[in-house]
């Protein structure tokens, strides 16, 4: 995902957190938001996910 896609995805994190996951899920969403934010703030960057 490039920085434009990451910027769009990071805006969806708060909506996902409103669905009231458990602490582990909320921590994972916080980590994801941090990574997406770093990608969005760095022109020319990509965030790659391994596996399915």
N, C-alpha and C. Protein backbone atom coordinates (compact mmCIF):
# COMPACT_ATOMS: atom_id res chain seq x y z
N UNK A 1 0.86 -1.15 0.00
CA UNK A 1 0.00 0.00 0.00
C UNK A 1 0.91 1.22 0.00
N UNK A 2 0.61 2.17 -0.86
CA UNK A 2 1.43 3.38 -0.94
C UNK A 2 0.95 4.42 0.07
N UNK A 3 1.61 5.59 0.08
CA UNK A 3 1.28 6.57 1.12
C UNK A 3 -0.13 7.12 0.98
N UNK A 4 -0.67 7.23 -0.22
CA UNK A 4 -2.05 7.71 -0.38
C UNK A 4 -3.05 6.68 0.15
N UNK A 5 -2.80 5.42 -0.13
CA UNK A 5 -3.69 4.36 0.36
C UNK A 5 -3.60 4.25 1.89
N UNK A 6 -2.39 4.41 2.41
CA UNK A 6 -2.20 4.36 3.86
C UNK A 6 -2.93 5.50 4.54
N UNK A 7 -2.89 6.68 3.93
CA UNK A 7 -3.59 7.83 4.50
C UNK A 7 -5.10 7.57 4.57
N UNK A 8 -5.65 6.97 3.53
CA UNK A 8 -7.08 6.65 3.53
C UNK A 8 -7.40 5.57 4.58
N UNK A 9 -6.53 4.58 4.69
CA UNK A 9 -6.78 3.47 5.62
C UNK A 9 -6.68 3.92 7.08
N UNK A 10 -5.74 4.81 7.37
CA UNK A 10 -5.55 5.24 8.76
C UNK A 10 -6.80 5.97 9.27
N UNK A 11 -7.53 6.60 8.38
CA UNK A 11 -8.77 7.29 8.80
C UNK A 11 -9.86 6.31 9.20
N UNK A 12 -9.74 5.06 8.81
CA UNK A 12 -10.75 4.05 9.14
C UNK A 12 -10.49 3.36 10.49
N UNK A 13 -9.32 3.57 11.06
CA UNK A 13 -8.96 2.88 12.30
C UNK A 13 -9.91 3.24 13.45
N UNK A 14 -10.21 4.51 13.64
CA UNK A 14 -11.10 4.90 14.74
C UNK A 14 -12.47 4.24 14.60
N UNK A 15 -12.96 4.14 13.38
CA UNK A 15 -14.24 3.48 13.15
C UNK A 15 -14.17 2.01 13.55
N UNK A 16 -13.07 1.36 13.22
CA UNK A 16 -12.90 -0.04 13.60
C UNK A 16 -12.82 -0.19 15.11
N UNK A 17 -12.15 0.74 15.78
CA UNK A 17 -12.01 0.66 17.23
C UNK A 17 -13.34 0.86 17.94
N UNK A 18 -14.28 1.53 17.31
CA UNK A 18 -15.61 1.74 17.91
C UNK A 18 -16.40 0.44 17.99
N UNK A 19 -15.99 -0.56 17.27
CA UNK A 19 -16.69 -1.85 17.28
C UNK A 19 -16.36 -2.68 18.52
N UNK A 20 -15.56 -2.10 19.40
CA UNK A 20 -15.28 -2.67 20.72
C UNK A 20 -14.65 -4.05 20.69
N UNK A 21 -13.48 -4.14 20.13
CA UNK A 21 -12.73 -5.39 20.19
C UNK A 21 -12.13 -5.59 21.56
N UNK A 22 -11.48 -6.73 21.75
CA UNK A 22 -10.81 -6.96 23.02
C UNK A 22 -9.50 -6.17 23.06
N UNK A 23 -8.81 -6.22 24.18
CA UNK A 23 -7.59 -5.43 24.35
C UNK A 23 -6.53 -5.78 23.31
N UNK A 24 -6.42 -7.04 22.97
CA UNK A 24 -5.43 -7.48 21.98
C UNK A 24 -5.74 -6.90 20.61
N UNK A 25 -7.01 -6.90 20.23
CA UNK A 25 -7.41 -6.34 18.94
C UNK A 25 -7.19 -4.83 18.91
N UNK A 26 -7.52 -4.15 20.00
CA UNK A 26 -7.31 -2.71 20.06
C UNK A 26 -5.83 -2.36 19.98
N UNK A 27 -4.98 -3.15 20.63
CA UNK A 27 -3.54 -2.92 20.56
C UNK A 27 -3.03 -3.13 19.14
N UNK A 28 -3.55 -4.14 18.46
CA UNK A 28 -3.15 -4.39 17.07
C UNK A 28 -3.59 -3.24 16.16
N UNK A 29 -4.77 -2.70 16.40
CA UNK A 29 -5.23 -1.56 15.62
C UNK A 29 -4.37 -0.32 15.88
N UNK A 30 -3.93 -0.14 17.13
CA UNK A 30 -3.03 0.97 17.44
C UNK A 30 -1.71 0.81 16.70
N UNK A 31 -1.18 -0.41 16.68
CA UNK A 31 0.07 -0.67 15.95
C UNK A 31 -0.11 -0.41 14.46
N UNK A 32 -1.22 -0.88 13.92
CA UNK A 32 -1.51 -0.67 12.51
C UNK A 32 -1.63 0.81 12.19
N UNK A 33 -2.32 1.56 13.05
CA UNK A 33 -2.48 3.00 12.84
C UNK A 33 -1.12 3.69 12.84
N UNK A 34 -0.22 3.27 13.73
CA UNK A 34 1.12 3.86 13.78
C UNK A 34 1.87 3.60 12.48
N UNK A 35 1.83 2.36 12.00
CA UNK A 35 2.52 2.02 10.75
C UNK A 35 1.92 2.74 9.56
N UNK A 36 0.60 2.79 9.51
CA UNK A 36 -0.07 3.51 8.41
C UNK A 36 0.27 4.99 8.45
N UNK A 37 0.31 5.57 9.65
CA UNK A 37 0.64 6.98 9.79
C UNK A 37 2.06 7.28 9.33
N UNK A 38 2.99 6.40 9.68
CA UNK A 38 4.38 6.59 9.23
C UNK A 38 4.47 6.50 7.72
N UNK A 39 3.77 5.55 7.13
CA UNK A 39 3.77 5.40 5.68
C UNK A 39 3.15 6.62 5.02
N UNK A 40 2.02 7.06 5.54
CA UNK A 40 1.32 8.21 4.96
C UNK A 40 2.17 9.49 5.03
N UNK A 41 3.01 9.59 6.04
CA UNK A 41 3.82 10.80 6.24
C UNK A 41 5.14 10.77 5.45
N UNK A 42 5.41 9.66 4.78
CA UNK A 42 6.68 9.52 4.07
C UNK A 42 6.43 9.34 2.58
N UNK A 43 6.57 10.42 1.80
CA UNK A 43 6.33 10.33 0.36
C UNK A 43 7.20 9.25 -0.29
N UNK A 44 6.58 8.50 -1.17
CA UNK A 44 7.28 7.43 -1.89
C UNK A 44 7.40 6.14 -1.12
N UNK A 45 6.80 6.07 0.06
CA UNK A 45 6.93 4.85 0.87
C UNK A 45 5.80 3.87 0.56
N UNK A 46 6.04 2.63 0.98
CA UNK A 46 5.05 1.56 0.84
C UNK A 46 5.00 0.78 2.14
N UNK A 47 3.83 0.26 2.45
CA UNK A 47 3.65 -0.64 3.58
C UNK A 47 3.23 -1.98 3.00
N UNK A 48 4.06 -2.99 3.24
CA UNK A 48 3.81 -4.32 2.70
C UNK A 48 3.37 -5.26 3.83
N UNK A 49 2.42 -6.12 3.52
CA UNK A 49 1.94 -7.12 4.46
C UNK A 49 2.29 -8.49 3.92
N UNK A 50 2.84 -9.33 4.77
CA UNK A 50 3.20 -10.69 4.38
C UNK A 50 2.12 -11.67 4.83
N UNK A 51 1.88 -12.68 4.05
CA UNK A 51 0.91 -13.71 4.42
C UNK A 51 -0.50 -13.33 4.03
N UNK A 52 -1.46 -14.10 4.55
CA UNK A 52 -2.85 -13.79 4.23
C UNK A 52 -3.62 -13.34 5.40
